[in-house]
Amino acid sequence: MDRSYKRRLFFFLWISCLAGGMTVIPYLLTNPLMAPLLRSLPLPALVVSVLAQSAVFFAIFTFLGIWLGEKVGLGVPFLQARLQGHPLPGFVRTAWRSLGAGLAAGALLFAMDRYVFAIFIEPITQAQDQASWWARLLVCFYGGINEEICFRFALMTLLVWLSWKIKATPDRRPTIAGFWIAIVASSVFFGLMHLPMTGDMVVITPLTVVRAVVLNSFIGIPCGWLFWKKGLEAAILFHFACDVALHVLLPLLI
């Protein structure tokens, strides 16, 4: 991968993350449980804060994903092909399958939260879905783009790289076990990182922690597998569709 191409790939992903970060603001401002926490912060200051944090953190995440992904065979294959002017064989099929699987996963998550964990704890999706429907739709882009670049493109790639340094196959590739350890570990971390926002809505208990890890694994593990086998684009589309079903479509229908 030449430097010019790496720069173009970096800036495309980084700017996508900046745009995705901005979608969080309408969600925060239209959710009655979170808006009071932001009343003391003027809107321009909120925008600058979100942009500044996104700019720094996602620059690091994007750099890690590109630099280490090249070493262990993980990346953004369809975008890479497009930037290099190559055809995109299989993209439409991969996209539709990822979107369909994501919608199914979102429906499963919704049912688990509303009808299984609800036996023990107030459904957290009910609190999350008090924001305006259009704001919930916008923030799905943050889940699909930003969270996948953070937890799959950066964290999972880093974990695969570390496993590769510890133990490699005879042809100097990461082991299957290394990939699965990275998939599961990044998925658990993905679930735990949802707890701070959850704490703004409900009291954090051991059951809340279990719920966060279990339910988010229905997103994290498939996304990790898709990133490994199909590329980051498939993971992004799966995650986006899952969030649309979970936070937009089903709350409007039920």
Protein backbone atom coordinates (compact mmCIF):
# COMPACT_ATOMS: atom_id res chain seq x y z
CA MET A 1 0.00 0.00 0.00
CA ASP A 2 1.68 3.25 -1.12
CA ARG A 3 1.69 6.32 1.13
CA SER A 4 -0.59 8.38 -1.11
CA TYR A 5 -3.23 5.67 -1.08
CA LYS A 6 -2.91 5.21 2.69
CA ARG A 7 -3.45 8.94 3.19
CA ARG A 8 -6.61 8.91 1.07
CA LEU A 9 -7.94 5.89 2.95
CA PHE A 10 -7.11 7.48 6.29
CA PHE A 11 -8.83 10.79 5.51
CA PHE A 12 -11.92 9.08 4.07
CA LEU A 13 -12.42 7.00 7.21
CA TRP A 14 -11.47 9.83 9.57
CA ILE A 15 -13.87 12.34 7.99
CA SER A 16 -16.60 9.68 8.07
CA CYS A 17 -15.98 9.38 11.81
CA LEU A 18 -16.22 13.15 12.28
CA ALA A 19 -19.57 13.16 10.48
CA GLY A 20 -20.71 10.15 12.50
CA GLY A 21 -19.73 11.85 15.73
CA MET A 22 -21.96 14.81 14.95
CA THR A 23 -25.02 12.53 14.73
CA VAL A 24 -24.81 11.98 18.49
CA ILE A 25 -25.75 15.60 19.25
CA PRO A 26 -29.41 15.52 18.11
CA TYR A 27 -29.86 12.25 19.98
CA LEU A 28 -28.53 13.72 23.22
CA LEU A 29 -30.57 16.91 22.89
CA THR A 30 -33.88 15.17 22.11
CA ASN A 31 -33.62 12.44 24.75
CA PRO A 32 -35.39 13.83 27.87
CA LEU A 33 -33.21 11.69 30.14
CA MET A 34 -29.97 13.15 28.76
CA ALA A 35 -30.88 16.67 27.68
CA PRO A 36 -30.94 18.00 31.29
CA LEU A 37 -27.30 16.92 31.69
CA LEU A 38 -26.35 19.21 28.78
CA ARG A 39 -28.32 22.33 29.70
CA SER A 40 -25.28 24.04 31.20
CA LEU A 41 -23.30 23.52 27.98
CA PRO A 42 -24.04 25.92 25.07
CA LEU A 43 -24.67 24.20 21.74
CA PRO A 44 -21.52 25.63 20.04
CA ALA A 45 -19.41 24.35 22.93
CA LEU A 46 -21.06 20.92 22.65
CA VAL A 47 -20.36 20.78 18.91
CA VAL A 48 -16.72 21.82 19.38
CA SER A 49 -16.28 19.27 22.18
CA VAL A 50 -17.70 16.41 20.11
CA LEU A 51 -15.64 17.37 17.05
CA ALA A 52 -12.43 17.75 19.05
CA GLN A 53 -12.81 14.39 20.78
CA SER A 54 -13.76 12.66 17.54
CA ALA A 55 -10.86 14.24 15.68
CA VAL A 56 -8.27 13.02 18.18
CA PHE A 57 -9.57 9.58 19.09
CA PHE A 58 -10.66 8.48 15.64
CA ALA A 59 -7.42 9.68 14.08
CA ILE A 60 -5.67 7.22 16.41
CA PHE A 61 -8.19 4.42 15.76
CA THR A 62 -8.04 4.88 11.99
CA PHE A 63 -4.25 4.96 11.94
CA LEU A 64 -4.05 1.77 14.02
CA GLY A 65 -6.53 -0.03 11.80
CA ILE A 66 -4.69 0.83 8.59
CA TRP A 67 -1.16 0.26 9.94
CA LEU A 68 -1.78 -3.02 11.78
CA GLY A 69 -4.52 -4.33 9.49
CA GLU A 70 -2.09 -4.47 6.58
CA LYS A 71 0.15 -6.76 8.65
CA VAL A 72 -2.57 -9.26 9.68
CA GLY A 73 -4.86 -9.25 6.64
CA LEU A 74 -7.70 -7.11 8.00
CA GLY A 75 -9.03 -4.04 6.23
CA VAL A 76 -11.66 -2.28 4.17
CA PRO A 77 -11.46 -4.28 0.94
CA PHE A 78 -14.30 -2.73 -1.06
CA LEU A 79 -13.31 0.84 -0.19
CA GLN A 80 -9.67 0.03 -0.89
CA ALA A 81 -10.61 -1.36 -4.30
CA ARG A 82 -12.74 1.68 -5.07
CA LEU A 83 -9.99 4.13 -4.12
CA GLN A 84 -7.61 2.26 -6.39
CA GLY A 85 -10.08 2.26 -9.30
CA HIS A 86 -10.71 -1.49 -9.21
CA PRO A 87 -14.11 -3.21 -9.71
CA LEU A 88 -16.12 -4.32 -6.67
CA PRO A 89 -17.04 -7.97 -7.28
CA GLY A 90 -19.46 -9.35 -4.70
CA PHE A 91 -20.13 -6.02 -2.98
CA VAL A 92 -23.88 -5.90 -3.63
CA ARG A 93 -24.38 -9.48 -2.41
CA THR A 94 -22.27 -8.84 0.69
CA ALA A 95 -24.10 -5.58 1.41
CA TRP A 96 -27.59 -7.08 1.19
CA ARG A 97 -26.67 -10.08 3.29
CA SER A 98 -25.07 -7.88 5.96
CA LEU A 99 -28.08 -5.57 6.07
CA GLY A 100 -30.54 -8.47 6.28
CA ALA A 101 -28.59 -10.22 9.01
CA GLY A 102 -28.32 -6.94 10.91
CA LEU A 103 -32.08 -6.38 10.83
CA ALA A 104 -32.62 -9.92 12.16
CA ALA A 105 -30.06 -9.38 14.93
CA GLY A 106 -31.74 -6.10 15.88
CA ALA A 107 -35.09 -7.85 16.18
CA LEU A 108 -33.52 -10.51 18.41
CA LEU A 109 -31.91 -7.85 20.63
CA PHE A 110 -35.22 -6.01 20.92
CA ALA A 111 -37.02 -9.19 21.98
CA MET A 112 -34.29 -10.08 24.49
CA ASP A 113 -34.38 -6.63 26.09
CA ARG A 114 -38.16 -6.19 26.14
CA TYR A 115 -39.27 -9.72 26.96
CA VAL A 116 -36.38 -11.63 28.59
CA PHE A 117 -34.23 -9.20 30.58
CA ALA A 118 -37.41 -7.19 31.29
CA ILE A 119 -38.35 -9.91 33.79
CA PHE A 120 -35.54 -8.63 36.02
CA ILE A 121 -34.78 -5.08 34.88
CA GLU A 122 -36.60 -2.22 33.20
CA PRO A 123 -35.99 -2.44 29.42
CA ILE A 124 -33.14 -0.05 28.71
CA THR A 125 -34.19 0.38 25.09
CA GLN A 126 -37.33 2.12 26.33
CA ALA A 127 -35.16 4.77 27.98
CA GLN A 128 -32.86 5.02 24.98
CA ASP A 129 -35.79 5.38 22.59
CA GLN A 130 -37.29 8.48 24.20
CA ALA A 131 -35.30 10.60 21.77
CA SER A 132 -36.98 11.72 18.54
CA TRP A 133 -37.20 8.97 15.91
CA TRP A 134 -35.17 10.98 13.40
CA ALA A 135 -32.43 11.55 15.98
CA ARG A 136 -32.37 7.81 16.70
CA LEU A 137 -32.02 7.14 12.98
CA LEU A 138 -29.13 9.59 12.68
CA VAL A 139 -27.24 8.10 15.61
CA CYS A 140 -27.37 4.69 13.91
CA PHE A 141 -24.64 6.04 11.65
CA TYR A 142 -22.47 6.58 14.73
CA GLY A 143 -23.02 2.98 15.76
CA GLY A 144 -22.27 1.63 12.32
CA ILE A 145 -19.28 3.80 11.42
CA ASN A 146 -17.64 5.10 14.59
CA GLU A 147 -18.15 2.11 16.84
CA GLU A 148 -16.98 -0.32 14.17
CA ILE A 149 -13.86 1.71 13.47
CA CYS A 150 -13.16 1.85 17.21
CA PHE A 151 -13.96 -1.71 18.31
CA ARG A 152 -13.32 -3.74 15.16
CA PHE A 153 -10.97 -1.74 12.91
CA ALA A 154 -8.74 -0.56 15.76
CA LEU A 155 -9.22 -2.74 18.86
CA MET A 156 -9.87 -6.11 17.23
CA THR A 157 -7.05 -5.53 14.73
CA LEU A 158 -4.69 -4.65 17.59
CA LEU A 159 -5.66 -7.83 19.47
CA VAL A 160 -5.17 -9.98 16.36
CA TRP A 161 -1.77 -8.36 15.83
CA LEU A 162 -0.77 -9.07 19.44
CA SER A 163 -1.90 -12.70 19.13
CA TRP A 164 0.09 -12.95 15.88
CA LYS A 165 3.21 -11.73 17.70
CA ILE A 166 2.70 -14.38 20.38
CA LYS A 167 1.83 -17.29 18.10
CA ALA A 168 1.64 -17.46 14.31
CA THR A 169 0.88 -20.21 11.81
CA PRO A 170 3.79 -21.89 9.98
CA ASP A 171 3.29 -19.45 7.08
CA ARG A 172 3.49 -16.48 9.48
CA ARG A 173 -0.20 -15.62 9.57
CA PRO A 174 -2.47 -15.04 12.60
CA THR A 175 -4.00 -18.22 13.99
CA ILE A 176 -7.73 -18.95 13.92
CA ALA A 177 -7.68 -19.02 17.73
CA GLY A 178 -6.07 -15.58 17.71
CA PHE A 179 -8.87 -14.21 15.55
CA TRP A 180 -11.58 -15.66 17.79
CA ILE A 181 -9.95 -14.42 20.99
CA ALA A 182 -9.83 -10.94 19.43
CA ILE A 183 -13.45 -11.16 18.27
CA VAL A 184 -14.76 -12.18 21.70
CA ALA A 185 -12.52 -9.82 23.70
CA SER A 186 -13.40 -6.79 21.56
CA SER A 187 -17.09 -7.74 21.79
CA VAL A 188 -16.97 -7.90 25.61
CA PHE A 189 -15.19 -4.55 25.73
CA PHE A 190 -17.78 -3.16 23.31
CA GLY A 191 -20.54 -4.19 25.72
CA LEU A 192 -18.80 -2.77 28.78
CA MET A 193 -18.22 0.58 27.08
CA HIS A 194 -22.00 1.05 26.84
CA LEU A 195 -22.30 1.11 30.63
CA PRO A 196 -21.44 4.81 31.20
CA MET A 197 -24.35 5.95 29.02
CA THR A 198 -26.58 3.25 30.53
CA GLY A 199 -25.73 4.66 33.97
CA ASP A 200 -27.32 7.95 32.94
CA MET A 201 -30.64 6.12 32.55
CA VAL A 202 -30.71 3.30 35.12
CA VAL A 203 -28.78 2.16 38.19
CA ILE A 204 -25.80 -0.03 37.29
CA THR A 205 -26.08 -3.46 38.89
CA PRO A 206 -24.39 -6.82 38.18
CA LEU A 207 -27.44 -7.76 36.09
CA THR A 208 -27.09 -4.55 34.10
CA VAL A 209 -23.48 -5.44 33.36
CA VAL A 210 -24.46 -8.98 32.28
CA ARG A 211 -27.17 -7.54 30.05
CA ALA A 212 -24.73 -5.12 28.42
CA VAL A 213 -22.20 -7.85 27.64
CA VAL A 214 -24.72 -10.48 26.49
CA LEU A 215 -26.89 -8.28 24.31
CA ASN A 216 -24.01 -6.36 22.75
CA SER A 217 -22.36 -9.67 21.92
CA PHE A 218 -25.21 -10.24 19.46
CA ILE A 219 -23.74 -7.27 17.60
CA GLY A 220 -20.05 -7.52 18.46
CA ILE A 221 -19.38 -11.18 17.62
CA PRO A 222 -21.12 -11.16 14.19
CA CYS A 223 -19.44 -7.84 13.37
CA GLY A 224 -16.07 -9.29 14.34
CA TRP A 225 -16.64 -12.33 12.15
CA LEU A 226 -17.79 -10.19 9.23
CA PHE A 227 -14.78 -7.90 9.60
CA TRP A 228 -12.50 -10.94 9.52
CA LYS A 229 -14.16 -12.71 6.61
CA LYS A 230 -15.73 -9.95 4.49
CA GLY A 231 -14.15 -6.66 5.56
CA LEU A 232 -15.06 -3.63 7.63
CA GLU A 233 -17.81 -2.54 5.22
CA ALA A 234 -19.84 -5.67 6.00
CA ALA A 235 -19.48 -5.08 9.75
CA ILE A 236 -20.55 -1.44 9.37
CA LEU A 237 -23.67 -2.36 7.37
CA PHE A 238 -24.60 -5.14 9.82
CA HIS A 239 -24.22 -2.82 12.82
CA PHE A 240 -26.14 0.01 11.15
CA ALA A 241 -29.07 -2.25 10.20
CA CYS A 242 -29.12 -3.80 13.67
CA ASP A 243 -29.38 -0.36 15.31
CA VAL A 244 -32.09 0.75 12.85
CA ALA A 245 -34.22 -2.28 13.72
CA LEU A 246 -33.52 -2.00 17.46
CA HIS A 247 -33.90 1.75 17.96
CA VAL A 248 -36.09 2.99 15.08
CA LEU A 249 -38.27 0.42 13.30
CA LEU A 250 -39.42 -1.82 16.14
CA PRO A 251 -40.02 0.97 18.70
CA LEU A 252 -42.24 2.70 16.11
CA LEU A 253 -44.18 -0.51 15.42
CA ILE A 254 -44.59 -1.87 18.96
